[in-house]
Protein backbone atom coordinates (compact mmCIF):
# COMPACT_ATOMS: atom_id res chain seq x y z
CA MET A 1 -36.87 16.94 0.99
CA LYS A 2 -36.20 20.28 -0.66
CA GLU A 3 -37.43 20.85 -4.20
CA SER A 4 -34.29 21.02 -6.35
CA THR A 5 -35.96 22.51 -9.42
CA PHE A 6 -35.07 26.17 -9.63
CA VAL A 7 -37.63 28.59 -11.10
CA MET A 8 -36.45 32.13 -11.59
CA THR A 9 -38.53 35.10 -10.57
CA THR A 10 -39.33 37.06 -13.70
CA LYS A 11 -38.13 40.54 -14.58
CA GLN A 12 -34.94 40.66 -12.57
CA SER A 13 -31.60 42.26 -13.09
CA ILE A 14 -28.60 39.99 -13.55
CA ARG A 15 -27.45 40.93 -10.05
CA GLU A 16 -30.82 39.96 -8.58
CA ALA A 17 -30.77 36.68 -10.50
CA PHE A 18 -27.35 35.94 -9.05
CA ALA A 19 -28.54 36.69 -5.50
CA GLU A 20 -31.66 34.56 -5.91
CA ALA A 21 -29.68 31.59 -7.25
CA SER A 22 -27.05 31.92 -4.52
CA SER A 23 -29.76 31.75 -1.85
CA PHE A 24 -31.35 28.75 -3.57
CA LEU A 25 -28.04 26.88 -3.66
CA ALA A 26 -27.30 27.76 -0.03
CA ALA A 27 -30.71 26.38 0.97
CA HIS A 28 -29.72 23.14 -0.74
CA GLU A 29 -26.47 23.03 1.27
CA VAL A 30 -24.26 23.54 -1.76
CA MET A 31 -20.76 24.50 -0.70
CA GLU A 32 -19.62 27.96 -1.84
CA PRO A 33 -23.04 28.88 -3.25
CA GLN A 34 -22.02 32.35 -4.43
CA ARG A 35 -18.92 31.11 -6.24
CA ASN A 36 -20.91 28.34 -7.93
CA ALA A 37 -23.69 30.74 -8.90
CA GLN A 38 -21.18 33.15 -10.45
CA LEU A 39 -19.41 30.38 -12.41
CA LEU A 40 -22.71 29.20 -13.81
CA LEU A 41 -23.99 32.69 -14.51
CA GLU A 42 -20.85 33.62 -16.42
CA HIS A 43 -21.26 30.40 -18.41
CA VAL A 44 -24.90 31.01 -19.26
CA LEU A 45 -24.35 34.64 -20.23
CA GLY A 46 -21.04 34.03 -21.99
CA LEU A 47 -19.40 36.78 -19.95
CA SER A 48 -16.38 36.94 -17.69
CA GLY A 49 -14.13 39.41 -15.95
CA ALA A 50 -14.99 43.10 -16.27
CA ALA A 51 -17.74 42.41 -18.82
CA TYR A 52 -19.60 40.27 -16.29
CA TYR A 53 -19.44 42.89 -13.54
CA MET A 54 -20.47 45.68 -15.89
CA ALA A 55 -23.54 43.67 -16.93
CA LEU A 56 -24.83 43.06 -13.38
CA PRO A 57 -27.29 46.01 -13.41
CA ASP A 58 -28.75 44.95 -16.77
CA PRO A 59 -32.04 43.07 -17.09
CA PHE A 60 -31.60 39.31 -17.19
CA PRO A 61 -32.01 38.25 -20.84
CA ASP A 62 -35.29 36.36 -21.35
CA GLU A 63 -33.70 34.00 -23.87
CA ARG A 64 -31.24 32.74 -21.24
CA GLN A 65 -33.78 32.08 -18.48
CA LYS A 66 -34.40 28.41 -19.33
CA ALA A 67 -30.69 27.64 -19.48
CA TRP A 68 -30.15 29.48 -16.18
CA GLU A 69 -32.88 27.55 -14.42
CA GLU A 70 -31.49 24.27 -15.75
CA VAL A 71 -27.90 24.78 -14.59
CA ILE A 72 -28.93 26.00 -11.12
CA SER A 73 -31.25 23.00 -10.74
CA ARG A 74 -28.43 20.65 -11.72
CA LYS A 75 -26.10 22.32 -9.26
CA ALA A 76 -28.67 22.12 -6.46
CA ALA A 77 -28.99 18.39 -7.15
CA GLY A 78 -25.27 18.01 -6.46
CA GLU A 79 -23.66 17.97 -9.88
CA PRO A 80 -20.24 19.67 -9.93
CA ALA A 81 -20.30 23.05 -11.65
CA GLN A 82 -17.24 22.03 -13.66
CA TYR A 83 -19.16 19.18 -15.29
CA ILE A 84 -22.11 21.46 -15.99
CA ILE A 85 -19.83 24.02 -17.63
CA GLY A 86 -17.61 21.35 -19.14
CA GLU A 87 -14.42 23.13 -18.11
CA GLN A 88 -11.97 23.64 -15.26
CA GLU A 89 -8.95 25.91 -15.18
CA PHE A 90 -5.59 24.37 -14.23
CA TYR A 91 -2.28 26.26 -14.15
CA GLY A 92 -4.05 29.13 -15.90
CA ILE A 93 -5.20 26.88 -18.75
CA PRO A 94 -8.83 25.87 -19.45
CA PHE A 95 -9.30 22.10 -19.54
CA GLN A 96 -12.32 20.25 -20.81
CA VAL A 97 -13.78 17.97 -18.14
CA THR A 98 -16.53 15.37 -18.30
CA PRO A 99 -17.77 12.78 -15.79
CA ALA A 100 -15.16 10.44 -17.30
CA VAL A 101 -12.35 12.35 -15.56
CA LEU A 102 -11.49 13.68 -12.15
CA ILE A 103 -11.82 17.45 -11.90
CA PRO A 104 -8.29 18.94 -11.65
CA ARG A 105 -7.54 20.43 -8.24
CA PRO A 106 -5.43 23.51 -7.45
CA GLU A 107 -3.06 21.51 -5.22
CA THR A 108 -1.96 19.45 -8.21
CA GLU A 109 -0.52 22.62 -9.73
CA LEU A 110 2.09 22.48 -6.95
CA LEU A 111 3.13 19.01 -8.10
CA VAL A 112 3.65 20.26 -11.65
CA GLU A 113 5.62 23.23 -10.35
CA ALA A 114 7.83 21.00 -8.18
CA VAL A 115 8.53 18.60 -11.04
CA LEU A 116 9.50 21.45 -13.37
CA GLN A 117 11.78 22.96 -10.71
CA GLN A 118 13.53 19.69 -9.89
CA ALA A 119 13.94 18.82 -13.56
CA ALA A 120 15.61 22.19 -14.16
CA ARG A 121 18.10 21.36 -11.39
CA LEU A 122 18.82 17.86 -12.70
CA TRP A 123 19.02 18.81 -16.38
CA PRO A 124 20.04 22.49 -16.63
CA GLN A 125 20.17 22.22 -20.41
CA GLY A 126 16.60 20.93 -20.56
CA ALA A 127 17.77 17.64 -22.09
CA ALA A 128 19.79 14.54 -21.19
CA PRO A 129 23.07 13.25 -22.62
CA ALA A 130 22.36 11.10 -25.65
CA GLY A 131 23.14 7.42 -25.31
CA ARG A 132 22.92 4.56 -27.73
CA ALA A 133 20.25 4.61 -30.42
CA ALA A 134 16.96 3.17 -29.23
CA SER A 135 15.60 0.02 -30.75
CA ALA A 136 12.17 -0.06 -32.34
CA ALA A 137 10.88 -2.01 -29.36
CA GLU A 138 12.06 0.73 -27.03
CA GLN A 139 10.63 3.52 -29.15
CA GLU A 140 7.10 2.12 -29.30
CA PRO A 141 5.18 0.31 -26.55
CA PRO A 142 4.96 -3.45 -27.07
CA GLN A 143 1.48 -4.30 -28.29
CA GLU A 144 1.43 -7.54 -26.35
CA GLN A 145 1.39 -5.48 -23.18
CA GLY A 146 -2.11 -4.24 -24.04
CA ALA A 147 -0.99 -0.63 -24.25
CA GLY A 148 -3.25 0.67 -26.99
CA ARG A 149 -2.73 4.09 -28.54
CA VAL A 150 -5.54 6.60 -28.42
CA PRO A 151 -5.55 8.81 -31.53
CA GLY A 152 -4.94 12.38 -30.49
CA PRO A 153 -2.56 15.33 -30.67
CA ALA A 154 0.54 13.15 -30.83
CA ASP A 155 -0.51 11.76 -34.21
CA ALA A 156 0.93 12.89 -37.50
CA GLU A 157 -2.01 14.85 -38.86
CA LEU A 158 -1.71 17.46 -36.12
CA PRO A 159 0.69 20.39 -36.58
CA ASP A 160 3.89 20.44 -34.55
CA ARG A 161 3.93 23.65 -32.56
CA ASP A 162 7.72 23.37 -32.37
CA ALA A 163 8.05 23.77 -36.13
CA ALA A 164 8.43 27.53 -35.78
CA ARG A 165 11.02 27.23 -32.99
CA PRO A 166 14.75 27.68 -33.61
CA ALA A 167 16.37 24.35 -34.44
CA ALA A 168 18.29 24.26 -31.17
CA GLN A 169 15.01 24.35 -29.23
CA GLY A 170 12.98 21.96 -31.32
CA ARG A 171 12.22 18.33 -30.55
CA ALA A 172 14.58 15.64 -31.77
CA ALA A 173 13.35 13.41 -34.56
CA ALA A 174 13.37 10.18 -32.56
CA ALA A 175 10.11 8.67 -31.41
CA PRO A 176 9.15 9.42 -27.79
CA GLY A 177 11.13 7.24 -25.46
CA GLY A 178 14.05 6.86 -27.85
CA ASP A 179 17.64 7.83 -27.12
CA ALA A 180 18.56 9.37 -30.45
CA GLY A 181 20.30 12.65 -29.79
CA THR A 182 20.63 15.97 -31.52
CA ALA A 183 23.74 17.58 -32.97
CA ASP A 184 24.63 18.93 -29.53
CA GLY A 185 24.85 15.40 -28.08
CA LEU A 186 21.65 15.69 -26.09
CA ARG A 187 18.35 13.84 -26.28
CA PRO A 188 14.91 15.01 -25.20
CA LEU A 189 13.81 14.15 -21.70
CA VAL A 190 10.98 11.65 -21.53
CA ALA A 191 8.20 12.33 -19.02
CA ALA A 192 5.28 10.02 -18.24
CA ASP A 193 2.08 11.08 -16.48
CA ILE A 194 0.46 8.00 -14.95
CA GLY A 195 -3.32 8.07 -14.55
CA THR A 196 -3.62 11.24 -16.60
CA GLY A 197 -7.40 11.73 -16.44
CA SER A 198 -8.12 15.05 -18.14
CA GLY A 199 -4.46 15.33 -19.14
CA ALA A 200 -3.94 18.36 -16.91
CA ILE A 201 -0.47 17.32 -15.72
CA ALA A 202 0.77 16.02 -19.07
CA VAL A 203 -0.49 18.95 -21.12
CA THR A 204 0.87 21.50 -18.66
CA LEU A 205 4.29 19.83 -18.65
CA ALA A 206 4.29 19.79 -22.46
CA LEU A 207 3.43 23.49 -22.55
CA HIS A 208 6.08 24.53 -20.03
CA ALA A 209 8.81 22.11 -21.13
CA PRO A 210 8.40 22.02 -24.92
CA ARG A 211 11.65 20.09 -25.49
CA TRP A 212 10.38 17.14 -23.46
CA ARG A 213 8.67 14.13 -24.95
CA VAL A 214 5.56 13.70 -22.86
CA TYR A 215 3.57 10.50 -22.53
CA ALA A 216 0.45 9.89 -20.50
CA SER A 217 -1.43 6.74 -19.57
CA ASP A 218 -4.81 5.89 -18.13
CA ILE A 219 -6.83 2.74 -17.67
CA SER A 220 -9.93 4.53 -19.03
CA ALA A 221 -10.30 4.97 -22.78
CA ASP A 222 -12.99 7.61 -22.17
CA ALA A 223 -10.58 9.63 -20.01
CA LEU A 224 -7.88 9.38 -22.67
CA ARG A 225 -10.23 10.81 -25.29
CA VAL A 226 -10.85 13.83 -23.05
CA ALA A 227 -7.11 14.22 -22.44
CA ALA A 228 -6.36 14.01 -26.17
CA ARG A 229 -8.86 16.80 -26.87
CA ASN A 230 -7.20 18.94 -24.22
CA ALA A 231 -3.77 18.38 -25.74
CA GLU A 232 -5.08 19.30 -29.17
CA ALA A 233 -6.84 22.40 -27.86
CA ASN A 234 -3.58 23.60 -26.31
CA GLY A 235 -1.44 22.80 -29.35
CA VAL A 236 0.89 20.29 -27.69
CA GLN A 237 1.97 16.79 -28.63
CA VAL A 238 1.37 14.18 -25.96
CA ALA A 239 1.34 10.44 -26.69
CA PHE A 240 -1.55 8.78 -24.86
CA GLU A 241 -1.41 5.10 -23.96
CA GLU A 242 -4.18 2.96 -22.49
CA GLY A 243 -3.18 0.57 -19.74
CA ASN A 244 -2.68 -0.03 -16.03
CA LEU A 245 -0.21 2.37 -14.45
CA LEU A 246 3.34 1.67 -15.77
CA GLU A 247 2.43 -1.28 -18.00
CA PRO A 248 2.15 0.79 -21.22
CA PHE A 249 5.80 1.84 -20.80
CA ALA A 250 7.33 -1.61 -20.49
CA GLY A 251 10.80 -1.63 -22.04
CA ARG A 252 10.83 2.15 -22.37
CA ARG A 253 13.09 4.83 -20.99
CA VAL A 254 11.32 7.26 -18.64
CA ASP A 255 13.36 10.09 -17.11
CA ILE A 256 10.52 11.75 -15.23
CA LEU A 257 7.53 9.91 -13.79
CA VAL A 258 4.66 11.88 -12.28
CA SER A 259 1.33 10.65 -11.01
CA ASN A 260 -1.76 11.79 -9.15
CA PRO A 261 -3.27 8.32 -8.71
CA PRO A 262 -6.43 7.28 -6.85
CA TYR A 263 -5.59 7.57 -3.14
CA ILE A 264 -8.87 7.54 -1.20
CA PRO A 265 -9.21 4.46 1.05
CA ALA A 266 -12.14 2.42 -0.28
CA ALA A 267 -14.05 2.57 3.00
CA ASP A 268 -13.81 6.38 3.07
CA ILE A 269 -15.46 6.98 -0.30
CA SER A 270 -19.00 6.80 1.11
CA GLY A 271 -18.16 9.72 3.42
CA LEU A 272 -16.91 12.04 0.70
CA GLN A 273 -18.84 15.14 -0.33
CA PRO A 274 -21.78 14.11 -2.54
CA GLU A 275 -20.37 16.17 -5.42
CA VAL A 276 -17.31 13.93 -5.41
CA ARG A 277 -18.80 10.62 -4.29
CA ASP A 278 -21.78 10.62 -6.63
CA HIS A 279 -20.33 12.27 -9.73
CA GLU A 280 -16.56 11.86 -10.11
CA PRO A 281 -15.30 8.51 -11.47
CA ARG A 282 -14.72 5.96 -8.73
CA THR A 283 -11.74 4.55 -10.61
CA ALA A 284 -10.05 7.93 -10.13
CA LEU A 285 -10.80 7.94 -6.39
CA ASP A 286 -10.49 4.40 -5.02
CA GLY A 287 -6.95 3.66 -3.88
CA GLY A 288 -7.71 0.30 -2.31
CA ALA A 289 -8.05 -0.64 1.34
CA ASP A 290 -5.64 2.01 2.67
CA GLY A 291 -5.44 4.26 -0.38
CA LEU A 292 -1.86 3.25 -1.12
CA ALA A 293 -2.39 0.37 -3.57
CA PRO A 294 -1.48 2.38 -6.72
CA TYR A 295 1.83 3.53 -5.19
CA ARG A 296 2.80 -0.01 -4.20
CA ILE A 297 1.90 -1.33 -7.64
CA MET A 298 3.95 1.35 -9.38
CA MET A 299 6.96 0.52 -7.20
CA GLN A 300 6.52 -3.15 -8.11
CA GLN A 301 6.24 -2.24 -11.80
CA LEU A 302 9.46 -0.19 -11.94
CA PRO A 303 11.46 -3.17 -13.34
CA LEU A 304 9.26 -2.92 -16.45
CA LEU A 305 11.12 0.26 -17.39
CA GLN A 306 14.61 0.36 -18.87
CA GLU A 307 15.73 1.86 -15.58
CA PRO A 308 14.06 3.73 -12.71
CA PRO A 309 13.24 7.36 -13.52
CA ARG A 310 15.70 9.86 -12.19
CA LEU A 311 12.82 12.05 -10.98
CA ILE A 312 9.52 10.76 -9.62
CA GLY A 313 6.67 12.79 -8.18
CA PHE A 314 3.42 11.70 -6.54
CA GLU A 315 0.35 13.45 -5.21
CA LEU A 316 -1.27 11.79 -2.23
CA GLY A 317 -3.94 12.06 0.42
CA ILE A 318 -3.96 13.43 3.95
CA GLY A 319 -1.69 11.44 6.25
CA GLN A 320 -0.10 9.37 3.48
CA ALA A 321 3.15 11.28 2.93
CA GLY A 322 5.23 9.29 5.41
CA GLU A 323 4.20 5.91 4.03
CA VAL A 324 4.68 6.92 0.38
CA ALA A 325 8.08 8.43 1.21
CA ASP A 326 9.01 5.12 2.88
CA LEU A 327 8.01 3.22 -0.26
CA LEU A 328 10.40 5.37 -2.29
CA ARG A 329 13.19 4.93 0.27
CA GLN A 330 12.73 1.17 0.32
CA ALA A 331 12.94 1.08 -3.48
CA GLY A 332 16.44 2.53 -3.11
CA HIS A 333 16.60 4.36 -6.44
CA TRP A 334 16.59 7.98 -5.25
CA ASP A 335 19.15 9.90 -3.19
CA GLU A 336 16.74 12.54 -1.96
CA ILE A 337 13.12 12.20 -0.86
CA ILE A 338 11.23 15.50 -0.68
CA ILE A 339 7.84 16.05 0.96
CA ILE A 340 5.96 19.15 -0.19
CA PRO A 341 2.97 20.67 1.63
CA ASP A 342 0.04 22.26 -0.14
CA LEU A 343 -1.17 25.79 0.57
CA ALA A 344 -3.13 24.53 3.59
CA GLY A 345 0.02 23.02 5.07
CA ILE A 346 -1.02 19.42 4.32
CA GLU A 347 1.81 17.15 3.17
CA ARG A 348 0.47 16.59 -0.33
CA HIS A 349 3.35 15.57 -2.60
CA VAL A 350 6.36 13.28 -2.40
CA LEU A 351 9.28 13.50 -4.84
CA GLY A 352 12.21 11.17 -5.32
CA VAL A 353 15.36 12.61 -6.92
CA ARG A 354 18.50 10.80 -8.07
CA ARG A 355 21.37 13.27 -8.25
């Protein structure tokens, strides 16, 4: 068994330290050893971009040697670099990540992009026609459903970043999920991110669709605390609810439902890369016997909502697109079912749209 404790050779340049660490990680069968070494080196030195490359010929700072040895040793032992750094970029935005949440993946950015595009087609004005006034029960999740609120950026003590916006672009005064409209006869769209994890989807939607009222749920209180910090760090208001899939939204209106749920078949988890299998939360990976349990449950839970969402979007695993698309067709709520491939050509997302 290889020794996973990294000890740096003294008196090196930063470039030489990078090369030495890359070789050490490669010897420990770490995937993309150079990329991981650079991420960790930038973190330890507090440099990025041009400043990092300009510093490569410089002597490695003695005061950073211990920290450098520690992070490379952790990486060689299999820990994801994102957990070591505590951050992962998503849609150009830095997100805090901890072992309580799944590390956001680039392919999920395509789901966010597709949802934003389809929403713009369905609601060109960025809002929906206002209906009747919502009752108090519809505005707030019923407590008997076990949908607890996690204090975070949606709470009153945080500043509203829409305060400086023109009145026509600000959020309506109704609570999220309500139908109260604005003077132009429109109400904010309500979006719900199911199984939010780090909050990457919810926060990104809130940033790019500031008129929307964005909710997010997760079964993990620890994950919700991470998501709330990410919303606060990015200056958006997202209401976080603890509970199982759609349960926190019982009795509520949801126009847009998006989810990247656990979709790995339980028997396949042991064969995942050690970085994923041994470090990312199993609750964010395990999709039941065939990986499709969360999708079936969400379809069964749709009657909990006031009405089915007009737009629904799911991320899914390899080979699951056909079955998830069939689940949406069988539900009968959407006129158009769209399957979207990722950049590798894998059918990765399924959307349902009601025109």
